[in-house]
């Protein structure tokens, strides 16, 4: 192997490493971007469930109070 061959091979290896690192970075970024909407969607669903539970409890309390009021009036 001559010095020229080593320079050519090292250039190819450097290009392959750079291309591989770029590809890994793109895949990682895409994966993270896929997870963000899921996380936001889960948070939104949790907030909606919490609101529904609170509303159900308030409705139950209203019905109980209404029964109590009718009973004592």
PDB file of N, CA and C in Angstrom:
ATOM      1  N   UNK A   1       0.834  -1.191   0.000  1.00  0.00           N
ATOM      2  CA  UNK A   1       0.000   0.000   0.000  1.00  0.00           C
ATOM      3  C   UNK A   1       0.874   1.249   0.000  1.00  0.00           C
ATOM      4  N   UNK A   2       0.510   2.107  -0.866  1.00  0.00           N
ATOM      5  CA  UNK A   2       1.254   3.356  -0.945  1.00  0.00           C
ATOM      6  C   UNK A   2       0.528   4.421  -0.131  1.00  0.00           C
ATOM      7  N   UNK A   3       1.176   5.512   0.014  1.00  0.00           N
ATOM      8  CA  UNK A   3       0.598   6.619   0.768  1.00  0.00           C
ATOM      9  C   UNK A   3      -0.649   7.140   0.063  1.00  0.00           C
ATOM     10  N   UNK A   4      -0.676   7.131  -1.241  1.00  0.00           N
ATOM     11  CA  UNK A   4      -1.840   7.599  -1.999  1.00  0.00           C
ATOM     12  C   UNK A   4      -3.038   6.694  -1.736  1.00  0.00           C
ATOM     13  N   UNK A   5      -2.806   5.381  -1.657  1.00  0.00           N
ATOM     14  CA  UNK A   5      -3.897   4.442  -1.367  1.00  0.00           C
ATOM     15  C   UNK A   5      -4.459   4.681   0.033  1.00  0.00           C
ATOM     16  N   UNK A   6      -3.598   4.901   0.984  1.00  0.00           N
ATOM     17  CA  UNK A   6      -4.034   5.146   2.360  1.00  0.00           C
ATOM     18  C   UNK A   6      -4.855   6.433   2.434  1.00  0.00           C
ATOM     19  N   UNK A   7      -4.445   7.461   1.705  1.00  0.00           N
ATOM     20  CA  UNK A   7      -5.197   8.718   1.694  1.00  0.00           C
ATOM     21  C   UNK A   7      -6.583   8.518   1.093  1.00  0.00           C
ATOM     22  N   UNK A   8      -6.658   7.724   0.014  1.00  0.00           N
ATOM     23  CA  UNK A   8      -7.956   7.466  -0.614  1.00  0.00           C
ATOM     24  C   UNK A   8      -8.875   6.686   0.327  1.00  0.00           C
ATOM     25  N   UNK A   9      -8.324   5.677   0.969  1.00  0.00           N
ATOM     26  CA  UNK A   9      -9.123   4.852   1.877  1.00  0.00           C
ATOM     27  C   UNK A   9      -9.576   5.670   3.083  1.00  0.00           C
ATOM     28  N   UNK A  10      -8.679   6.492   3.628  1.00  0.00           N
ATOM     29  CA  UNK A  10      -9.053   7.298   4.798  1.00  0.00           C
ATOM     30  C   UNK A  10     -10.138   8.313   4.438  1.00  0.00           C
ATOM     31  N   UNK A  11     -10.099   8.836   3.226  1.00  0.00           N
ATOM     32  CA  UNK A  11     -11.138   9.764   2.777  1.00  0.00           C
ATOM     33  C   UNK A  11     -12.478   9.051   2.682  1.00  0.00           C
ATOM     34  N   UNK A  12     -12.471   7.843   2.120  1.00  0.00           N
ATOM     35  CA  UNK A  12     -13.705   7.065   2.006  1.00  0.00           C
ATOM     36  C   UNK A  12     -14.251   6.690   3.381  1.00  0.00           C
ATOM     37  N   UNK A  13     -13.369   6.309   4.291  1.00  0.00           N
ATOM     38  CA  UNK A  13     -13.799   5.949   5.646  1.00  0.00           C
ATOM     39  C   UNK A  13     -14.390   7.170   6.351  1.00  0.00           C
ATOM     40  N   UNK A  14     -13.757   8.310   6.215  1.00  0.00           N
ATOM     41  CA  UNK A  14     -14.269   9.531   6.844  1.00  0.00           C
ATOM     42  C   UNK A  14     -15.633   9.904   6.280  1.00  0.00           C
ATOM     43  N   UNK A  15     -15.802   9.763   4.977  1.00  0.00           N
ATOM     44  CA  UNK A  15     -17.092  10.070   4.359  1.00  0.00           C
ATOM     45  C   UNK A  15     -18.164   9.095   4.837  1.00  0.00           C
ATOM     46  N   UNK A  16     -17.820   7.822   4.960  1.00  0.00           N
ATOM     47  CA  UNK A  16     -18.782   6.819   5.424  1.00  0.00           C
ATOM     48  C   UNK A  16     -19.181   7.076   6.876  1.00  0.00           C
ATOM     49  N   UNK A  17     -18.227   7.444   7.714  1.00  0.00           N
ATOM     50  CA  UNK A  17     -18.526   7.744   9.116  1.00  0.00           C
ATOM     51  C   UNK A  17     -19.423   8.979   9.214  1.00  0.00           C
ATOM     52  N   UNK A  18     -19.130   9.995   8.440  1.00  0.00           N
ATOM     53  CA  UNK A  18     -19.952  11.211   8.460  1.00  0.00           C
ATOM     54  C   UNK A  18     -21.366  10.915   7.963  1.00  0.00           C
ATOM     55  N   UNK A  19     -21.478  10.124   6.909  1.00  0.00           N
ATOM     56  CA  UNK A  19     -22.801   9.774   6.383  1.00  0.00           C
ATOM     57  C   UNK A  19     -23.584   8.943   7.401  1.00  0.00           C
ATOM     58  N   UNK A  20     -22.913   8.018   8.050  1.00  0.00           N
ATOM     59  CA  UNK A  20     -23.573   7.198   9.073  1.00  0.00           C
ATOM     60  C   UNK A  20     -24.043   8.034  10.252  1.00  0.00           C
ATOM     61  N   UNK A  21     -23.206   8.954  10.699  1.00  0.00           N
ATOM     62  CA  UNK A  21     -23.587   9.821  11.821  1.00  0.00           C
ATOM     63  C   UNK A  21     -24.765  10.707  11.444  1.00  0.00           C
ATOM     64  N   UNK A  22     -24.764  11.214  10.226  1.00  0.00           N
ATOM     65  CA  UNK A  22     -25.879  12.049   9.766  1.00  0.00           C
ATOM     66  C   UNK A  22     -27.167  11.246   9.706  1.00  0.00           C
ATOM     67  N   UNK A  23     -27.093  10.037   9.190  1.00  0.00           N
ATOM     68  CA  UNK A  23     -28.268   9.176   9.096  1.00  0.00           C
ATOM     69  C   UNK A  23     -28.818   8.842  10.481  1.00  0.00           C
ATOM     70  N   UNK A  24     -27.942   8.551  11.422  1.00  0.00           N
ATOM     71  CA  UNK A  24     -28.380   8.266  12.795  1.00  0.00           C
ATOM     72  C   UNK A  24     -29.043   9.500  13.408  1.00  0.00           C
ATOM     73  N   UNK A  25     -28.481  10.676  13.170  1.00  0.00           N
ATOM     74  CA  UNK A  25     -29.067  11.911  13.710  1.00  0.00           C
ATOM     75  C   UNK A  25     -30.453  12.162  13.127  1.00  0.00           C
ATOM     76  N   UNK A  26     -30.625  11.916  11.838  1.00  0.00           N
ATOM     77  CA  UNK A  26     -31.930  12.112  11.198  1.00  0.00           C
ATOM     78  C   UNK A  26     -32.947  11.132  11.767  1.00  0.00           C
ATOM     79  N   UNK A  27     -32.568   9.878  11.920  1.00  0.00           N
ATOM     80  CA  UNK A  27     -33.481   8.875  12.476  1.00  0.00           C
ATOM     81  C   UNK A  27     -33.864   9.208  13.915  1.00  0.00           C
ATOM     82  N   UNK A  28     -32.905   9.645  14.694  1.00  0.00           N
ATOM     83  CA  UNK A  28     -33.170  10.004  16.082  1.00  0.00           C
ATOM     84  C   UNK A  28     -34.115  11.204  16.168  1.00  0.00           C
ATOM     85  N   UNK A  29     -33.895  12.195  15.335  1.00  0.00           N
ATOM     86  CA  UNK A  29     -34.766  13.370  15.319  1.00  0.00           C
ATOM     87  C   UNK A  29     -36.183  12.992  14.907  1.00  0.00           C
ATOM     88  N   UNK A  30     -36.309  12.151  13.910  1.00  0.00           N
ATOM     89  CA  UNK A  30     -37.635  11.709  13.460  1.00  0.00           C
ATOM     90  C   UNK A  30     -38.351  10.950  14.565  1.00  0.00           C
ATOM     91  N   UNK A  31     -37.628  10.097  15.262  1.00  0.00           N
ATOM     92  CA  UNK A  31     -38.230   9.320  16.345  1.00  0.00           C
ATOM     93  C   UNK A  31     -38.727  10.238  17.459  1.00  0.00           C
ATOM     94  N   UNK A  32     -37.939  11.228  17.811  1.00  0.00           N
ATOM     95  CA  UNK A  32     -38.332  12.167  18.870  1.00  0.00           C
ATOM     96  C   UNK A  32     -39.552  12.972  18.435  1.00  0.00           C
ATOM     97  N   UNK A  33     -39.586  13.385  17.176  1.00  0.00           N
ATOM     98  CA  UNK A  33     -40.731  14.148  16.676  1.00  0.00           C
ATOM     99  C   UNK A  33     -41.996  13.302  16.657  1.00  0.00           C
ATOM    100  N   UNK A  34     -41.866  11.997  16.475  1.00  0.00           N
ATOM    101  CA  UNK A  34     -43.032  11.113  16.523  1.00  0.00           C
ATOM    102  C   UNK A  34     -43.577  10.997  17.938  1.00  0.00           C
ATOM    103  N   UNK A  35     -42.707  11.073  18.934  1.00  0.00           N
ATOM    104  CA  UNK A  35     -43.140  10.908  20.319  1.00  0.00           C
ATOM    105  C   UNK A  35     -43.811  12.158  20.877  1.00  0.00           C
ATOM    106  N   UNK A  36     -43.443  13.327  20.403  1.00  0.00           N
ATOM    107  CA  UNK A  36     -43.999  14.571  20.951  1.00  0.00           C
ATOM    108  C   UNK A  36     -45.516  14.654  20.831  1.00  0.00           C
ATOM    109  N   UNK A  37     -46.092  14.419  19.646  1.00  0.00           N
ATOM    110  CA  UNK A  37     -47.563  14.500  19.561  1.00  0.00           C
ATOM    111  C   UNK A  37     -48.258  13.466  20.439  1.00  0.00           C
ATOM    112  N   UNK A  38     -47.679  12.290  20.560  1.00  0.00           N
ATOM    113  CA  UNK A  38     -48.271  11.270  21.430  1.00  0.00           C
ATOM    114  C   UNK A  38     -48.299  11.748  22.869  1.00  0.00           C
ATOM    115  N   UNK A  39     -47.204  12.349  23.299  1.00  0.00           N
ATOM    116  CA  UNK A  39     -47.139  12.839  24.673  1.00  0.00           C
ATOM    117  C   UNK A  39     -48.159  13.955  24.892  1.00  0.00           C
ATOM    118  N   UNK A  40     -48.241  14.874  23.939  1.00  0.00           N
ATOM    119  CA  UNK A  40     -49.211  15.961  24.055  1.00  0.00           C
ATOM    120  C   UNK A  40     -50.634  15.426  24.016  1.00  0.00           C
ATOM    121  N   UNK A  41     -50.873  14.428  23.171  1.00  0.00           N
ATOM    122  CA  UNK A  41     -52.202  13.838  23.076  1.00  0.00           C
ATOM    123  C   UNK A  41     -52.571  13.147  24.389  1.00  0.00           C
ATOM    124  N   UNK A  42     -51.623  12.448  24.994  1.00  0.00           N
ATOM    125  CA  UNK A  42     -51.884  11.795  26.282  1.00  0.00           C
ATOM    126  C   UNK A  42     -52.189  12.825  27.362  1.00  0.00           C
ATOM    127  N   UNK A  43     -51.448  13.924  27.373  1.00  0.00           N
ATOM    128  CA  UNK A  43     -51.705  14.968  28.361  1.00  0.00           C
ATOM    129  C   UNK A  43     -53.089  15.572  28.162  1.00  0.00           C
ATOM    130  N   UNK A  44     -53.469  15.782  26.919  1.00  0.00           N
ATOM    131  CA  UNK A  44     -54.792  16.338  26.626  1.00  0.00           C
ATOM    132  C   UNK A  44     -55.884  15.380  27.061  1.00  0.00           C
ATOM    133  N   UNK A  45     -55.699  14.097  26.789  1.00  0.00           N
ATOM    134  CA  UNK A  45     -56.685  13.097  27.196  1.00  0.00           C
ATOM    135  C   UNK A  45     -56.792  13.026  28.715  1.00  0.00           C
ATOM    136  N   UNK A  46     -55.671  13.109  29.401  1.00  0.00           N
ATOM    137  CA  UNK A  46     -55.700  13.077  30.867  1.00  0.00           C
ATOM    138  C   UNK A  46     -56.444  14.283  31.429  1.00  0.00           C
ATOM    139  N   UNK A  47     -56.217  15.459  30.848  1.00  0.00           N
ATOM    140  CA  UNK A  47     -56.935  16.652  31.299  1.00  0.00           C
ATOM    141  C   UNK A  47     -58.432  16.511  31.052  1.00  0.00           C
ATOM    142  N   UNK A  48     -58.799  15.960  29.902  1.00  0.00           N
ATOM    143  CA  UNK A  48     -60.208  15.777  29.571  1.00  0.00           C
ATOM    144  C   UNK A  48     -60.864  14.794  30.537  1.00  0.00           C
ATOM    145  N   UNK A  49     -60.169  13.707  30.854  1.00  0.00           N
ATOM    146  CA  UNK A  49     -60.712  12.727  31.803  1.00  0.00           C
ATOM    147  C   UNK A  49     -60.894  13.352  33.181  1.00  0.00           C
ATOM    148  N   UNK A  50     -59.931  14.160  33.595  1.00  0.00           N
ATOM    149  CA  UNK A  50     -60.031  14.825  34.890  1.00  0.00           C
ATOM    150  C   UNK A  50     -61.232  15.757  34.924  1.00  0.00           C
ATOM    151  N   UNK A  51     -61.439  16.510  33.853  1.00  0.00           N
ATOM    152  CA  UNK A  51     -62.595  17.409  33.787  1.00  0.00           C
ATOM    153  C   UNK A  51     -63.899  16.624  33.838  1.00  0.00           C
ATOM    154  N   UNK A  52     -63.963  15.510  33.120  1.00  0.00           N
ATOM    155  CA  UNK A  52     -65.177  14.693  33.113  1.00  0.00           C
ATOM    156  C   UNK A  52     -65.465  14.126  34.500  1.00  0.00           C
ATOM    157  N   UNK A  53     -64.416  13.670  35.188  1.00  0.00           N
ATOM    158  CA  UNK A  53     -64.605  13.141  36.542  1.00  0.00           C
ATOM    159  C   UNK A  53     -65.114  14.222  37.489  1.00  0.00           C
ATOM    160  N   UNK A  54     -64.547  15.410  37.391  1.00  0.00           N
ATOM    161  CA  UNK A  54     -65.003  16.512  38.245  1.00  0.00           C
ATOM    162  C   UNK A  54     -66.462  16.845  37.956  1.00  0.00           C
ATOM    163  N   UNK A  55     -66.816  16.866  36.688  1.00  0.00           N
ATOM    164  CA  UNK A  55     -68.197  17.159  36.312  1.00  0.00           C
ATOM    165  C   UNK A  55     -69.151  16.093  36.850  1.00  0.00           C
ATOM    166  N   UNK A  56     -68.751  14.826  36.758  1.00  0.00           N
ATOM    167  CA  UNK A  56     -69.584  13.744  37.295  1.00  0.00           C
ATOM    168  C   UNK A  56     -69.773  13.896  38.802  1.00  0.00           C
ATOM    169  N   UNK A  57     -68.713  14.234  39.498  1.00  0.00           N
ATOM    170  CA  UNK A  57     -68.807  14.404  40.954  1.00  0.00           C
ATOM    171  C   UNK A  57     -69.715  15.576  41.317  1.00  0.00           C
ATOM    172  N   UNK A  58     -69.600  16.652  40.567  1.00  0.00           N
ATOM    173  CA  UNK A  58     -70.461  17.810  40.824  1.00  0.00           C
ATOM    174  C   UNK A  58     -71.917  17.451  40.558  1.00  0.00           C
ATOM    175  N   UNK A  59     -72.171  16.701  39.494  1.00  0.00           N
ATOM    176  CA  UNK A  59     -73.542  16.285  39.188  1.00  0.00           C
ATOM    177  C   UNK A  59     -74.101  15.384  40.290  1.00  0.00           C
ATOM    178  N   UNK A  60     -73.278  14.463  40.790  1.00  0.00           N
ATOM    179  CA  UNK A  60     -73.710  13.591  41.887  1.00  0.00           C
ATOM    180  C   UNK A  60     -74.031  14.411  43.133  1.00  0.00           C
ATOM    181  N   UNK A  61     -73.176  15.367  43.431  1.00  0.00           N
ATOM    182  CA  UNK A  61     -73.407  16.225  44.587  1.00  0.00           C
ATOM    183  C   UNK A  61     -74.697  17.019  44.420  1.00  0.00           C
ATOM    184  N   UNK A  62     -74.941  17.512  43.228  1.00  0.00           N
ATOM    185  CA  UNK A  62     -76.168  18.255  42.957  1.00  0.00           C
ATOM    186  C   UNK A  62     -77.391  17.369  43.184  1.00  0.00           C
ATOM    187  N   UNK A  63     -77.346  16.140  42.682  1.00  0.00           N
ATOM    188  CA  UNK A  63     -78.478  15.223  42.857  1.00  0.00           C
ATOM    189  C   UNK A  63     -78.702  14.881  44.331  1.00  0.00           C
ATOM    190  N   UNK A  64     -77.612  14.652  45.048  1.00  0.00           N
ATOM    191  CA  UNK A  64     -77.745  14.357  46.475  1.00  0.00           C
ATOM    192  C   UNK A  64     -78.324  15.550  47.230  1.00  0.00           C
ATOM    193  N   UNK A  65     -77.854  16.719  46.920  1.00  0.00           N
ATOM    194  CA  UNK A  65     -78.377  17.920  47.572  1.00  0.00           C
ATOM    195  C   UNK A  65     -79.850  18.120  47.228  1.00  0.00           C
ATOM    196  N   UNK A  66     -80.218  17.855  45.982  1.00  0.00           N
ATOM    197  CA  UNK A  66     -81.608  17.995  45.555  1.00  0.00           C
ATOM    198  C   UNK A  66     -82.500  17.017  46.322  1.00  0.00           C
ATOM    199  N   UNK A  67     -82.051  15.776  46.477  1.00  0.00           N
ATOM    200  CA  UNK A  67     -82.826  14.793  47.253  1.00  0.00           C
ATOM    201  C   UNK A  67     -82.954  15.232  48.707  1.00  0.00           C
ATOM    202  N   UNK A  68     -81.858  15.718  49.253  1.00  0.00           N
ATOM    203  CA  UNK A  68     -81.868  16.165  50.642  1.00  0.00           C
ATOM    204  C   UNK A  68     -82.826  17.342  50.810  1.00  0.00           C
ATOM    205  N   UNK A  69     -82.798  18.269  49.877  1.00  0.00           N
ATOM    206  CA  UNK A  69     -83.654  19.449  49.940  1.00  0.00           C
ATOM    207  C   UNK A  69     -85.128  19.050  49.845  1.00  0.00           C
ATOM    208  N   UNK A  70     -85.460  18.141  48.952  1.00  0.00           N
ATOM    209  CA  UNK A  70     -86.849  17.692  48.803  1.00  0.00           C
ATOM    210  C   UNK A  70     -87.314  16.979  50.070  1.00  0.00           C
ATOM    211  N   UNK A  71     -86.433  16.210  50.662  1.00  0.00           N
ATOM    212  CA  UNK A  71     -86.781  15.440  51.853  1.00  0.00           C
ATOM    213  C   UNK A  71     -87.099  16.353  53.037  1.00  0.00           C
ATOM    214  N   UNK A  72     -86.374  17.436  53.193  1.00  0.00           N
ATOM    215  CA  UNK A  72     -86.543  18.293  54.359  1.00  0.00           C
ATOM    216  C   UNK A  72     -87.449  19.495  54.124  1.00  0.00           C
ATOM    217  N   UNK A  73     -87.948  19.657  52.941  1.00  0.00           N
ATOM    218  CA  UNK A  73     -88.848  20.790  52.692  1.00  0.00           C
ATOM    219  C   UNK A  73     -90.259  20.386  52.730  1.00  0.00           C
TER     220      UNK A  73
END
